PDB file of N, CA and C in Angstrom:
ATOM      1  N   UNK A   1     -35.075 -17.389 -32.408  1.00  0.00           N
ATOM      2  CA  UNK A   1     -34.378 -15.828 -33.073  1.00  0.00           C
ATOM      3  C   UNK A   1     -33.560 -15.628 -34.082  1.00  0.00           C
ATOM      4  N   UNK A   2     -33.408 -15.099 -34.718  1.00  0.00           N
ATOM      5  CA  UNK A   2     -32.168 -14.816 -36.384  1.00  0.00           C
ATOM      6  C   UNK A   2     -31.115 -14.184 -35.464  1.00  0.00           C
ATOM      7  N   UNK A   3     -30.189 -14.398 -36.482  1.00  0.00           N
ATOM      8  CA  UNK A   3     -29.041 -13.250 -36.282  1.00  0.00           C
ATOM      9  C   UNK A   3     -29.100 -11.803 -35.889  1.00  0.00           C
ATOM     10  N   UNK A   4     -29.688 -11.564 -36.873  1.00  0.00           N
ATOM     11  CA  UNK A   4     -30.228 -10.057 -36.394  1.00  0.00           C
ATOM     12  C   UNK A   4     -31.426  -9.868 -35.438  1.00  0.00           C
ATOM     13  N   UNK A   5     -32.509 -10.498 -35.244  1.00  0.00           N
ATOM     14  CA  UNK A   5     -33.186 -10.100 -33.481  1.00  0.00           C
ATOM     15  C   UNK A   5     -32.147 -10.388 -32.921  1.00  0.00           C
ATOM     16  N   UNK A   6     -31.443 -11.042 -32.912  1.00  0.00           N
ATOM     17  CA  UNK A   6     -30.187 -11.456 -31.241  1.00  0.00           C
ATOM     18  C   UNK A   6     -29.969 -10.203 -31.554  1.00  0.00           C
ATOM     19  N   UNK A   7     -29.078 -10.032 -32.487  1.00  0.00           N
ATOM     20  CA  UNK A   7     -28.031  -8.401 -32.651  1.00  0.00           C
ATOM     21  C   UNK A   7     -28.589  -7.198 -31.994  1.00  0.00           C
ATOM     22  N   UNK A   8     -30.254  -6.960 -32.558  1.00  0.00           N
ATOM     23  CA  UNK A   8     -30.898  -6.113 -32.232  1.00  0.00           C
ATOM     24  C   UNK A   8     -31.028  -6.163 -30.530  1.00  0.00           C
ATOM     25  N   UNK A   9     -31.386  -7.736 -29.688  1.00  0.00           N
ATOM     26  CA  UNK A   9     -31.728  -7.356 -28.567  1.00  0.00           C
ATOM     27  C   UNK A   9     -30.827  -6.973 -27.495  1.00  0.00           C
ATOM     28  N   UNK A  10     -29.670  -6.795 -27.444  1.00  0.00           N
ATOM     29  CA  UNK A  10     -28.718  -6.169 -26.516  1.00  0.00           C
ATOM     30  C   UNK A  10     -27.685  -5.191 -27.417  1.00  0.00           C
ATOM     31  N   UNK A  11     -27.204  -4.338 -26.952  1.00  0.00           N
ATOM     32  CA  UNK A  11     -25.756  -3.903 -28.078  1.00  0.00           C
ATOM     33  C   UNK A  11     -25.055  -4.957 -27.842  1.00  0.00           C
ATOM     34  N   UNK A  12     -24.107  -4.219 -28.517  1.00  0.00           N
ATOM     35  CA  UNK A  12     -22.435  -5.006 -29.048  1.00  0.00           C
ATOM     36  C   UNK A  12     -21.514  -5.076 -27.311  1.00  0.00           C
ATOM     37  N   UNK A  13     -21.147  -6.135 -27.009  1.00  0.00           N
ATOM     38  CA  UNK A  13     -20.462  -6.209 -25.474  1.00  0.00           C
ATOM     39  C   UNK A  13     -18.458  -6.141 -26.376  1.00  0.00           C
ATOM     40  N   UNK A  14     -18.314  -5.478 -25.820  1.00  0.00           N
ATOM     41  CA  UNK A  14     -16.341  -5.536 -26.168  1.00  0.00           C
ATOM     42  C   UNK A  14     -16.184  -6.583 -24.754  1.00  0.00           C
ATOM     43  N   UNK A  15     -15.523  -7.762 -25.615  1.00  0.00           N
ATOM     44  CA  UNK A  15     -15.284  -8.963 -24.592  1.00  0.00           C
ATOM     45  C   UNK A  15     -14.312  -8.598 -24.405  1.00  0.00           C
ATOM     46  N   UNK A  16     -12.908  -7.981 -24.764  1.00  0.00           N
ATOM     47  CA  UNK A  16     -11.902  -8.317 -24.698  1.00  0.00           C
ATOM     48  C   UNK A  16     -11.632  -7.471 -23.118  1.00  0.00           C
ATOM     49  N   UNK A  17     -12.715  -6.427 -23.338  1.00  0.00           N
ATOM     50  CA  UNK A  17     -12.515  -5.359 -22.089  1.00  0.00           C
ATOM     51  C   UNK A  17     -12.887  -5.951 -20.770  1.00  0.00           C
ATOM     52  N   UNK A  18     -13.857  -7.064 -20.814  1.00  0.00           N
ATOM     53  CA  UNK A  18     -13.876  -7.956 -19.946  1.00  0.00           C
ATOM     54  C   UNK A  18     -13.064  -8.602 -19.558  1.00  0.00           C
ATOM     55  N   UNK A  19     -12.480  -9.138 -20.749  1.00  0.00           N
ATOM     56  CA  UNK A  19     -11.508 -10.134 -20.060  1.00  0.00           C
ATOM     57  C   UNK A  19     -10.393  -9.436 -19.546  1.00  0.00           C
ATOM     58  N   UNK A  20      -9.986  -8.347 -19.631  1.00  0.00           N
ATOM     59  CA  UNK A  20      -8.977  -7.739 -19.152  1.00  0.00           C
ATOM     60  C   UNK A  20      -9.446  -7.340 -17.682  1.00  0.00           C
ATOM     61  N   UNK A  21     -10.155  -7.257 -17.469  1.00  0.00           N
ATOM     62  CA  UNK A  21     -11.352  -6.888 -15.849  1.00  0.00           C
ATOM     63  C   UNK A  21     -10.912  -8.217 -15.308  1.00  0.00           C
ATOM     64  N   UNK A  22     -11.918  -9.224 -15.677  1.00  0.00           N
ATOM     65  CA  UNK A  22     -11.154 -10.465 -15.554  1.00  0.00           C
ATOM     66  C   UNK A  22      -9.158 -10.687 -14.875  1.00  0.00           C
ATOM     67  N   UNK A  23      -8.459 -10.457 -16.191  1.00  0.00           N
ATOM     68  CA  UNK A  23      -7.142 -10.695 -15.645  1.00  0.00           C
ATOM     69  C   UNK A  23      -6.503  -9.299 -14.420  1.00  0.00           C
ATOM     70  N   UNK A  24      -6.971  -8.468 -14.282  1.00  0.00           N
ATOM     71  CA  UNK A  24      -7.001  -7.648 -13.127  1.00  0.00           C
ATOM     72  C   UNK A  24      -7.353  -8.373 -12.089  1.00  0.00           C
ATOM     73  N   UNK A  25      -8.197  -8.898 -12.059  1.00  0.00           N
ATOM     74  CA  UNK A  25      -9.038  -9.503 -10.738  1.00  0.00           C
ATOM     75  C   UNK A  25      -7.986 -10.206 -10.053  1.00  0.00           C
ATOM     76  N   UNK A  26      -7.724 -11.093 -10.964  1.00  0.00           N
ATOM     77  CA  UNK A  26      -7.372 -12.590 -11.078  1.00  0.00           C
ATOM     78  C   UNK A  26      -5.767 -12.172 -10.657  1.00  0.00           C
ATOM     79  N   UNK A  27      -5.387 -10.958 -11.187  1.00  0.00           N
ATOM     80  CA  UNK A  27      -3.650 -10.774 -10.759  1.00  0.00           C
ATOM     81  C   UNK A  27      -3.722 -10.128  -9.010  1.00  0.00           C
ATOM     82  N   UNK A  28      -4.699  -9.411  -9.107  1.00  0.00           N
ATOM     83  CA  UNK A  28      -5.045  -8.303  -7.513  1.00  0.00           C
ATOM     84  C   UNK A  28      -5.329  -9.830  -6.740  1.00  0.00           C
ATOM     85  N   UNK A  29      -5.988 -10.707  -6.827  1.00  0.00           N
ATOM     86  CA  UNK A  29      -6.503 -11.733  -6.017  1.00  0.00           C
ATOM     87  C   UNK A  29      -4.980 -12.517  -5.447  1.00  0.00           C
ATOM     88  N   UNK A  30      -4.240 -12.717  -6.722  1.00  0.00           N
ATOM     89  CA  UNK A  30      -2.686 -13.049  -5.680  1.00  0.00           C
ATOM     90  C   UNK A  30      -1.810 -12.312  -5.406  1.00  0.00           C
ATOM     91  N   UNK A  31      -2.203 -11.178  -5.820  1.00  0.00           N
ATOM     92  CA  UNK A  31      -0.927 -10.167  -5.365  1.00  0.00           C
ATOM     93  C   UNK A  31      -1.522 -10.470  -3.422  1.00  0.00           C
ATOM     94  N   UNK A  32      -2.670  -9.912  -3.344  1.00  0.00           N
ATOM     95  CA  UNK A  32      -3.348  -9.861  -1.869  1.00  0.00           C
ATOM     96  C   UNK A  32      -2.491 -10.829  -0.988  1.00  0.00           C
ATOM     97  N   UNK A  33      -2.658 -12.193  -1.597  1.00  0.00           N
ATOM     98  CA  UNK A  33      -1.985 -13.183  -1.149  1.00  0.00           C
ATOM     99  C   UNK A  33      -0.869 -13.246  -0.545  1.00  0.00           C
ATOM    100  N   UNK A  34      -0.081 -12.595  -1.385  1.00  0.00           N
ATOM    101  CA  UNK A  34       1.535 -11.964  -0.664  1.00  0.00           C
ATOM    102  C   UNK A  34       1.668 -10.815  -0.067  1.00  0.00           C
ATOM    103  N   UNK A  35       0.514 -10.253   0.241  1.00  0.00           N
ATOM    104  CA  UNK A  35       0.283  -8.691   1.250  1.00  0.00           C
ATOM    105  C   UNK A  35       0.987  -9.161   2.826  1.00  0.00           C
ATOM    106  N   UNK A  36       0.226 -10.343   3.245  1.00  0.00           N
ATOM    107  CA  UNK A  36       0.405 -10.906   4.571  1.00  0.00           C
ATOM    108  C   UNK A  36      -0.682 -10.378   5.444  1.00  0.00           C
ATOM    109  N   UNK A  37      -1.718 -10.162   5.069  1.00  0.00           N
ATOM    110  CA  UNK A  37      -2.514  -9.587   5.803  1.00  0.00           C
ATOM    111  C   UNK A  37      -3.177 -10.797   6.566  1.00  0.00           C
ATOM    112  N   UNK A  38      -4.121 -10.377   7.577  1.00  0.00           N
ATOM    113  CA  UNK A  38      -4.671 -11.564   8.392  1.00  0.00           C
ATOM    114  C   UNK A  38      -5.560 -12.637   7.957  1.00  0.00           C
ATOM    115  N   UNK A  39      -5.643 -13.402   8.036  1.00  0.00           N
ATOM    116  CA  UNK A  39      -6.603 -14.865   7.280  1.00  0.00           C
ATOM    117  C   UNK A  39      -8.271 -14.196   7.076  1.00  0.00           C
ATOM    118  N   UNK A  40      -8.832 -13.658   8.183  1.00  0.00           N
ATOM    119  CA  UNK A  40     -10.097 -13.662   7.855  1.00  0.00           C
ATOM    120  C   UNK A  40     -10.439 -12.243   6.641  1.00  0.00           C
ATOM    121  N   UNK A  41      -9.779 -11.418   7.087  1.00  0.00           N
ATOM    122  CA  UNK A  41     -10.074 -10.104   5.782  1.00  0.00           C
ATOM    123  C   UNK A  41      -9.684 -10.710   4.474  1.00  0.00           C
ATOM    124  N   UNK A  42      -8.100 -11.725   4.542  1.00  0.00           N
ATOM    125  CA  UNK A  42      -7.767 -12.133   3.402  1.00  0.00           C
ATOM    126  C   UNK A  42      -8.948 -13.052   2.668  1.00  0.00           C
ATOM    127  N   UNK A  43      -9.632 -14.299   3.323  1.00  0.00           N
ATOM    128  CA  UNK A  43     -10.669 -14.780   2.892  1.00  0.00           C
ATOM    129  C   UNK A  43     -11.841 -13.961   2.095  1.00  0.00           C
ATOM    130  N   UNK A  44     -12.319 -13.243   2.795  1.00  0.00           N
ATOM    131  CA  UNK A  44     -13.325 -12.501   2.604  1.00  0.00           C
ATOM    132  C   UNK A  44     -12.820 -11.439   1.314  1.00  0.00           C
ATOM    133  N   UNK A  45     -12.215 -10.803   1.217  1.00  0.00           N
ATOM    134  CA  UNK A  45     -11.495 -10.191   0.098  1.00  0.00           C
ATOM    135  C   UNK A  45     -11.353 -11.505  -1.078  1.00  0.00           C
ATOM    136  N   UNK A  46     -10.622 -12.665  -0.527  1.00  0.00           N
ATOM    137  CA  UNK A  46     -10.887 -13.484  -1.994  1.00  0.00           C
ATOM    138  C   UNK A  46     -12.218 -13.781  -2.666  1.00  0.00           C
ATOM    139  N   UNK A  47     -13.053 -13.810  -1.729  1.00  0.00           N
ATOM    140  CA  UNK A  47     -14.390 -14.247  -1.646  1.00  0.00           C
ATOM    141  C   UNK A  47     -14.772 -13.082  -2.648  1.00  0.00           C
ATOM    142  N   UNK A  48     -14.796 -11.651  -2.358  1.00  0.00           N
ATOM    143  CA  UNK A  48     -15.157 -10.754  -3.094  1.00  0.00           C
ATOM    144  C   UNK A  48     -14.628 -10.898  -4.303  1.00  0.00           C
ATOM    145  N   UNK A  49     -13.257 -10.706  -4.814  1.00  0.00           N
ATOM    146  CA  UNK A  49     -12.986 -10.693  -5.781  1.00  0.00           C
ATOM    147  C   UNK A  49     -13.511 -11.888  -6.527  1.00  0.00           C
ATOM    148  N   UNK A  50     -13.697 -13.285  -6.053  1.00  0.00           N
ATOM    149  CA  UNK A  50     -14.413 -14.325  -6.952  1.00  0.00           C
ATOM    150  C   UNK A  50     -15.761 -14.073  -7.227  1.00  0.00           C
ATOM    151  N   UNK A  51     -16.523 -13.544  -6.201  1.00  0.00           N
ATOM    152  CA  UNK A  51     -17.847 -12.757  -6.579  1.00  0.00           C
ATOM    153  C   UNK A  51     -17.619 -11.961  -7.818  1.00  0.00           C
ATOM    154  N   UNK A  52     -17.272 -10.649  -7.575  1.00  0.00           N
ATOM    155  CA  UNK A  52     -17.214 -10.060  -9.000  1.00  0.00           C
ATOM    156  C   UNK A  52     -16.762 -10.833 -10.011  1.00  0.00           C
ATOM    157  N   UNK A  53     -16.078 -11.518 -10.068  1.00  0.00           N
ATOM    158  CA  UNK A  53     -15.292 -12.729 -11.585  1.00  0.00           C
ATOM    159  C   UNK A  53     -16.576 -13.380 -11.700  1.00  0.00           C
ATOM    160  N   UNK A  54     -16.923 -13.707 -11.018  1.00  0.00           N
ATOM    161  CA  UNK A  54     -18.364 -14.707 -11.079  1.00  0.00           C
ATOM    162  C   UNK A  54     -19.278 -14.011 -12.012  1.00  0.00           C
ATOM    163  N   UNK A  55     -19.437 -12.723 -11.077  1.00  0.00           N
ATOM    164  CA  UNK A  55     -20.825 -11.748 -11.605  1.00  0.00           C
ATOM    165  C   UNK A  55     -20.550 -11.437 -13.653  1.00  0.00           C
ATOM    166  N   UNK A  56     -19.247 -11.146 -13.787  1.00  0.00           N
ATOM    167  CA  UNK A  56     -18.657 -10.685 -14.890  1.00  0.00           C
ATOM    168  C   UNK A  56     -18.790 -12.091 -16.264  1.00  0.00           C
ATOM    169  N   UNK A  57     -18.417 -12.896 -15.677  1.00  0.00           N
ATOM    170  CA  UNK A  57     -18.861 -14.338 -16.379  1.00  0.00           C
ATOM    171  C   UNK A  57     -19.915 -14.634 -17.063  1.00  0.00           C
ATOM    172  N   UNK A  58     -20.560 -14.458 -15.723  1.00  0.00           N
ATOM    173  CA  UNK A  58     -22.269 -14.685 -15.737  1.00  0.00           C
ATOM    174  C   UNK A  58     -22.962 -13.429 -16.547  1.00  0.00           C
ATOM    175  N   UNK A  59     -22.876 -12.768 -16.411  1.00  0.00           N
ATOM    176  CA  UNK A  59     -23.233 -11.000 -16.960  1.00  0.00           C
ATOM    177  C   UNK A  59     -23.049 -11.303 -18.323  1.00  0.00           C
ATOM    178  N   UNK A  60     -21.543 -11.541 -19.063  1.00  0.00           N
ATOM    179  CA  UNK A  60     -21.320 -11.153 -20.326  1.00  0.00           C
ATOM    180  C   UNK A  60     -21.254 -12.410 -21.013  1.00  0.00           C
ATOM    181  N   UNK A  61     -20.740 -13.351 -20.420  1.00  0.00           N
ATOM    182  CA  UNK A  61     -19.624 -14.838 -21.064  1.00  0.00           C
ATOM    183  C   UNK A  61     -20.943 -15.852 -21.875  1.00  0.00           C
ATOM    184  N   UNK A  62     -21.785 -15.462 -20.339  1.00  0.00           N
ATOM    185  CA  UNK A  62     -23.431 -16.586 -20.403  1.00  0.00           C
ATOM    186  C   UNK A  62     -24.432 -15.704 -20.723  1.00  0.00           C
ATOM    187  N   UNK A  63     -24.212 -14.316 -21.092  1.00  0.00           N
ATOM    188  CA  UNK A  63     -25.261 -13.744 -21.411  1.00  0.00           C
ATOM    189  C   UNK A  63     -26.637 -13.504 -20.653  1.00  0.00           C
ATOM    190  N   UNK A  64     -26.039 -13.687 -19.064  1.00  0.00           N
ATOM    191  CA  UNK A  64     -27.194 -13.085 -18.307  1.00  0.00           C
ATOM    192  C   UNK A  64     -27.732 -11.631 -18.103  1.00  0.00           C
ATOM    193  N   UNK A  65     -26.822 -10.949 -18.395  1.00  0.00           N
ATOM    194  CA  UNK A  65     -26.894  -9.477 -18.441  1.00  0.00           C
ATOM    195  C   UNK A  65     -28.273  -8.894 -19.312  1.00  0.00           C
ATOM    196  N   UNK A  66     -28.667 -10.114 -20.815  1.00  0.00           N
ATOM    197  CA  UNK A  66     -29.871  -9.215 -21.364  1.00  0.00           C
ATOM    198  C   UNK A  66     -30.673 -10.379 -21.579  1.00  0.00           C
ATOM    199  N   UNK A  67     -30.467 -11.263 -20.224  1.00  0.00           N
ATOM    200  CA  UNK A  67     -32.215 -12.322 -20.125  1.00  0.00           C
ATOM    201  C   UNK A  67     -32.976 -11.492 -19.067  1.00  0.00           C
ATOM    202  N   UNK A  68     -33.690 -12.192 -18.923  1.00  0.00           N
ATOM    203  CA  UNK A  68     -35.315 -11.762 -18.092  1.00  0.00           C
ATOM    204  C   UNK A  68     -34.591 -12.063 -16.368  1.00  0.00           C
ATOM    205  N   UNK A  69     -35.253 -11.664 -15.469  1.00  0.00           N
ATOM    206  CA  UNK A  69     -34.798 -11.783 -14.501  1.00  0.00           C
ATOM    207  C   UNK A  69     -34.787 -12.709 -13.688  1.00  0.00           C
ATOM    208  N   UNK A  70     -35.815 -13.688 -14.259  1.00  0.00           N
ATOM    209  CA  UNK A  70     -35.895 -15.085 -14.109  1.00  0.00           C
ATOM    210  C   UNK A  70     -34.975 -15.483 -14.262  1.00  0.00           C
ATOM    211  N   UNK A  71     -34.380 -15.296 -14.848  1.00  0.00           N
ATOM    212  CA  UNK A  71     -32.456 -15.948 -15.498  1.00  0.00           C
ATOM    213  C   UNK A  71     -31.570 -15.843 -14.019  1.00  0.00           C
ATOM    214  N   UNK A  72     -31.690 -14.563 -13.579  1.00  0.00           N
ATOM    215  CA  UNK A  72     -30.660 -13.933 -12.837  1.00  0.00           C
ATOM    216  C   UNK A  72     -31.300 -15.231 -11.382  1.00  0.00           C
ATOM    217  N   UNK A  73     -32.413 -15.056 -11.239  1.00  0.00           N
ATOM    218  CA  UNK A  73     -32.912 -15.573 -10.126  1.00  0.00           C
ATOM    219  C   UNK A  73     -32.580 -17.472  -9.631  1.00  0.00           C
ATOM    220  N   UNK A  74     -32.946 -17.998 -11.263  1.00  0.00           N
ATOM    221  CA  UNK A  74     -32.215 -19.333 -10.870  1.00  0.00           C
ATOM    222  C   UNK A  74     -30.768 -19.496 -10.921  1.00  0.00           C
ATOM    223  N   UNK A  75     -30.191 -18.453 -11.713  1.00  0.00           N
ATOM    224  CA  UNK A  75     -28.383 -18.612 -11.474  1.00  0.00           C
ATOM    225  C   UNK A  75     -28.259 -18.214  -9.960  1.00  0.00           C
ATOM    226  N   UNK A  76     -28.735 -17.266  -9.291  1.00  0.00           N
ATOM    227  CA  UNK A  76     -28.609 -17.232  -7.763  1.00  0.00           C
ATOM    228  C   UNK A  76     -28.926 -18.318  -6.814  1.00  0.00           C
ATOM    229  N   UNK A  77     -29.659 -18.727  -7.280  1.00  0.00           N
ATOM    230  CA  UNK A  77     -30.126 -19.908  -6.451  1.00  0.00           C
ATOM    231  C   UNK A  77     -29.515 -20.555  -5.581  1.00  0.00           C
ATOM    232  N   UNK A  78     -28.665 -21.186  -6.163  1.00  0.00           N
ATOM    233  CA  UNK A  78     -27.624 -22.237  -5.670  1.00  0.00           C
ATOM    234  C   UNK A  78     -26.629 -21.333  -4.527  1.00  0.00           C
ATOM    235  N   UNK A  79     -26.259 -20.324  -4.933  1.00  0.00           N
ATOM    236  CA  UNK A  79     -25.374 -19.044  -4.011  1.00  0.00           C
ATOM    237  C   UNK A  79     -26.106 -18.878  -2.808  1.00  0.00           C
ATOM    238  N   UNK A  80     -27.612 -18.335  -3.179  1.00  0.00           N
ATOM    239  CA  UNK A  80     -28.329 -18.481  -1.575  1.00  0.00           C
ATOM    240  C   UNK A  80     -28.230 -19.530  -1.321  1.00  0.00           C
ATOM    241  N   UNK A  81     -28.659 -21.173  -1.703  1.00  0.00           N
ATOM    242  CA  UNK A  81     -28.838 -22.017  -0.874  1.00  0.00           C
ATOM    243  C   UNK A  81     -27.261 -22.675   0.015  1.00  0.00           C
ATOM    244  N   UNK A  82     -26.525 -22.368  -1.110  1.00  0.00           N
ATOM    245  CA  UNK A  82     -25.296 -22.576  -0.340  1.00  0.00           C
ATOM    246  C   UNK A  82     -24.641 -21.723   1.058  1.00  0.00           C
ATOM    247  N   UNK A  83     -25.085 -20.047   0.767  1.00  0.00           N
ATOM    248  CA  UNK A  83     -24.722 -19.528   1.879  1.00  0.00           C
ATOM    249  C   UNK A  83     -25.618 -20.177   3.546  1.00  0.00           C
ATOM    250  N   UNK A  84     -26.992 -19.964   2.865  1.00  0.00           N
ATOM    251  CA  UNK A  84     -27.725 -21.030   4.418  1.00  0.00           C
ATOM    252  C   UNK A  84     -27.035 -22.121   4.704  1.00  0.00           C
ATOM    253  N   UNK A  85     -26.526 -22.615   3.964  1.00  0.00           N
ATOM    254  CA  UNK A  85     -26.090 -24.092   4.406  1.00  0.00           C
ATOM    255  C   UNK A  85     -24.439 -23.966   5.122  1.00  0.00           C
ATOM    256  N   UNK A  86     -23.985 -23.087   4.907  1.00  0.00           N
ATOM    257  CA  UNK A  86     -22.789 -22.979   5.634  1.00  0.00           C
ATOM    258  C   UNK A  86     -22.922 -21.714   6.690  1.00  0.00           C
ATOM    259  N   UNK A  87     -23.702 -21.327   6.744  1.00  0.00           N
ATOM    260  CA  UNK A  87     -24.552 -20.632   8.262  1.00  0.00           C
ATOM    261  C   UNK A  87     -24.944 -21.599   9.010  1.00  0.00           C
ATOM    262  N   UNK A  88     -25.628 -22.440   8.412  1.00  0.00           N
ATOM    263  CA  UNK A  88     -26.265 -23.565   9.161  1.00  0.00           C
ATOM    264  C   UNK A  88     -24.839 -24.224   9.592  1.00  0.00           C
ATOM    265  N   UNK A  89     -24.007 -24.243   9.457  1.00  0.00           N
ATOM    266  CA  UNK A  89     -22.655 -25.180   9.687  1.00  0.00           C
ATOM    267  C   UNK A  89     -21.578 -24.573  11.062  1.00  0.00           C
ATOM    268  N   UNK A  90     -21.876 -23.318  11.153  1.00  0.00           N
ATOM    269  CA  UNK A  90     -21.107 -22.397  11.976  1.00  0.00           C
ATOM    270  C   UNK A  90     -21.123 -23.059  13.214  1.00  0.00           C
ATOM    271  N   UNK A  91     -22.376 -23.208  14.357  1.00  0.00           N
ATOM    272  CA  UNK A  91     -22.513 -23.988  14.894  1.00  0.00           C
ATOM    273  C   UNK A  91     -21.416 -25.222  15.097  1.00  0.00           C
ATOM    274  N   UNK A  92     -21.830 -25.787  14.230  1.00  0.00           N
ATOM    275  CA  UNK A  92     -20.774 -27.271  14.449  1.00  0.00           C
ATOM    276  C   UNK A  92     -19.058 -26.993  14.654  1.00  0.00           C
ATOM    277  N   UNK A  93     -18.888 -25.718  13.598  1.00  0.00           N
ATOM    278  CA  UNK A  93     -17.642 -25.568  13.413  1.00  0.00           C
ATOM    279  C   UNK A  93     -16.842 -24.911  14.612  1.00  0.00           C
ATOM    280  N   UNK A  94     -17.805 -23.995  15.241  1.00  0.00           N
ATOM    281  CA  UNK A  94     -17.098 -23.476  16.415  1.00  0.00           C
ATOM    282  C   UNK A  94     -17.175 -24.364  17.833  1.00  0.00           C
ATOM    283  N   UNK A  95     -17.466 -25.632  17.775  1.00  0.00           N
ATOM    284  CA  UNK A  95     -16.949 -26.346  18.916  1.00  0.00           C
ATOM    285  C   UNK A  95     -16.148 -27.560  18.350  1.00  0.00           C
ATOM    286  N   UNK A  96     -15.524 -27.846  16.875  1.00  0.00           N
ATOM    287  CA  UNK A  96     -14.311 -27.968  16.961  1.00  0.00           C
ATOM    288  C   UNK A  96     -14.527 -29.451  17.106  1.00  0.00           C
ATOM    289  N   UNK A  97     -13.391 -30.167  17.001  1.00  0.00           N
ATOM    290  CA  UNK A  97     -13.341 -31.728  17.107  1.00  0.00           C
ATOM    291  C   UNK A  97     -13.463 -32.445  18.666  1.00  0.00           C
ATOM    292  N   UNK A  98     -14.687 -32.442  18.908  1.00  0.00           N
ATOM    293  CA  UNK A  98     -14.899 -32.832  20.525  1.00  0.00           C
ATOM    294  C   UNK A  98     -15.786 -34.064  20.138  1.00  0.00           C
ATOM    295  N   UNK A  99     -15.398 -35.073  21.425  1.00  0.00           N
ATOM    296  CA  UNK A  99     -16.008 -36.296  21.189  1.00  0.00           C
ATOM    297  C   UNK A  99     -17.724 -35.840  21.915  1.00  0.00           C
ATOM    298  N   UNK A 100     -18.378 -36.992  21.848  1.00  0.00           N
ATOM    299  CA  UNK A 100     -19.797 -36.708  22.754  1.00  0.00           C
ATOM    300  C   UNK A 100     -19.447 -36.176  24.048  1.00  0.00           C
ATOM    301  N   UNK A 101     -18.221 -37.065  24.617  1.00  0.00           N
ATOM    302  CA  UNK A 101     -18.439 -36.214  25.786  1.00  0.00           C
ATOM    303  C   UNK A 101     -17.756 -34.943  26.198  1.00  0.00           C
ATOM    304  N   UNK A 102     -17.564 -34.237  25.717  1.00  0.00           N
ATOM    305  CA  UNK A 102     -16.799 -32.977  25.377  1.00  0.00           C
ATOM    306  C   UNK A 102     -15.427 -33.194  25.586  1.00  0.00           C
ATOM    307  N   UNK A 103     -14.686 -34.167  25.534  1.00  0.00           N
ATOM    308  CA  UNK A 103     -12.871 -34.223  25.252  1.00  0.00           C
ATOM    309  C   UNK A 103     -12.834 -34.156  23.832  1.00  0.00           C
ATOM    310  N   UNK A 104     -11.365 -33.486  23.831  1.00  0.00           N
ATOM    311  CA  UNK A 104     -10.997 -33.288  22.759  1.00  0.00           C
ATOM    312  C   UNK A 104     -10.139 -34.589  22.379  1.00  0.00           C
ATOM    313  N   UNK A 105     -10.548 -35.545  20.845  1.00  0.00           N
ATOM    314  CA  UNK A 105      -9.589 -36.515  20.769  1.00  0.00           C
ATOM    315  C   UNK A 105      -8.197 -36.372  20.115  1.00  0.00           C
ATOM    316  N   UNK A 106      -6.968 -37.263  20.765  1.00  0.00           N
ATOM    317  CA  UNK A 106      -6.020 -37.196  20.198  1.00  0.00           C
ATOM    318  C   UNK A 106      -5.853 -37.525  19.046  1.00  0.00           C
ATOM    319  N   UNK A 107      -5.027 -37.186  18.350  1.00  0.00           N
ATOM    320  CA  UNK A 107      -4.947 -37.699  16.791  1.00  0.00           C
ATOM    321  C   UNK A 107      -3.138 -38.116  17.160  1.00  0.00           C
ATOM    322  N   UNK A 108      -3.337 -39.398  17.139  1.00  0.00           N
ATOM    323  CA  UNK A 108      -1.774 -39.549  16.200  1.00  0.00           C
ATOM    324  C   UNK A 108      -1.446 -39.516  14.924  1.00  0.00           C
ATOM    325  N   UNK A 109      -0.070 -38.744  14.509  1.00  0.00           N
ATOM    326  CA  UNK A 109       0.565 -38.361  13.804  1.00  0.00           C
ATOM    327  C   UNK A 109       1.299 -39.286  13.705  1.00  0.00           C
ATOM    328  N   UNK A 110       1.610 -40.022  12.031  1.00  0.00           N
ATOM    329  CA  UNK A 110       3.035 -41.037  12.296  1.00  0.00           C
ATOM    330  C   UNK A 110       3.731 -40.419  10.896  1.00  0.00           C
TER     331      UNK A 110
END
C-alpha cells in the first residue's frame, strides 16, 4: 500500500488529542488513589481506567481502529483468556493459605 492509498484508507487522526486524553486519564488514576475510597471500588476504577487507555493506544497509535474486525479479535483474545484464568483462580483465592488438613500455617517473620 502506497502512502497515498494509506492516507485515503482512513481519515487523519489528531494524535495530540489522544495523547491529552491519555494524560488526563493517567492524572485521574493517580488522583483517585489519594481520594481514599475503599479497596474494591478503587481497583475496579483503576482497571476501567487502564482498559480505556489500552483501547485508545491500540485503536489509534497501533492503528487497529482502521483494521478489519479480525485484528480486534486477535488483539482481544489475550484479554478474554486472562479473564477466564482469573475467574478460574477465584475459588483458590477464597480459601486463603490453608494446609491440606484445613489448618492455617503459621508464618514466622524475622
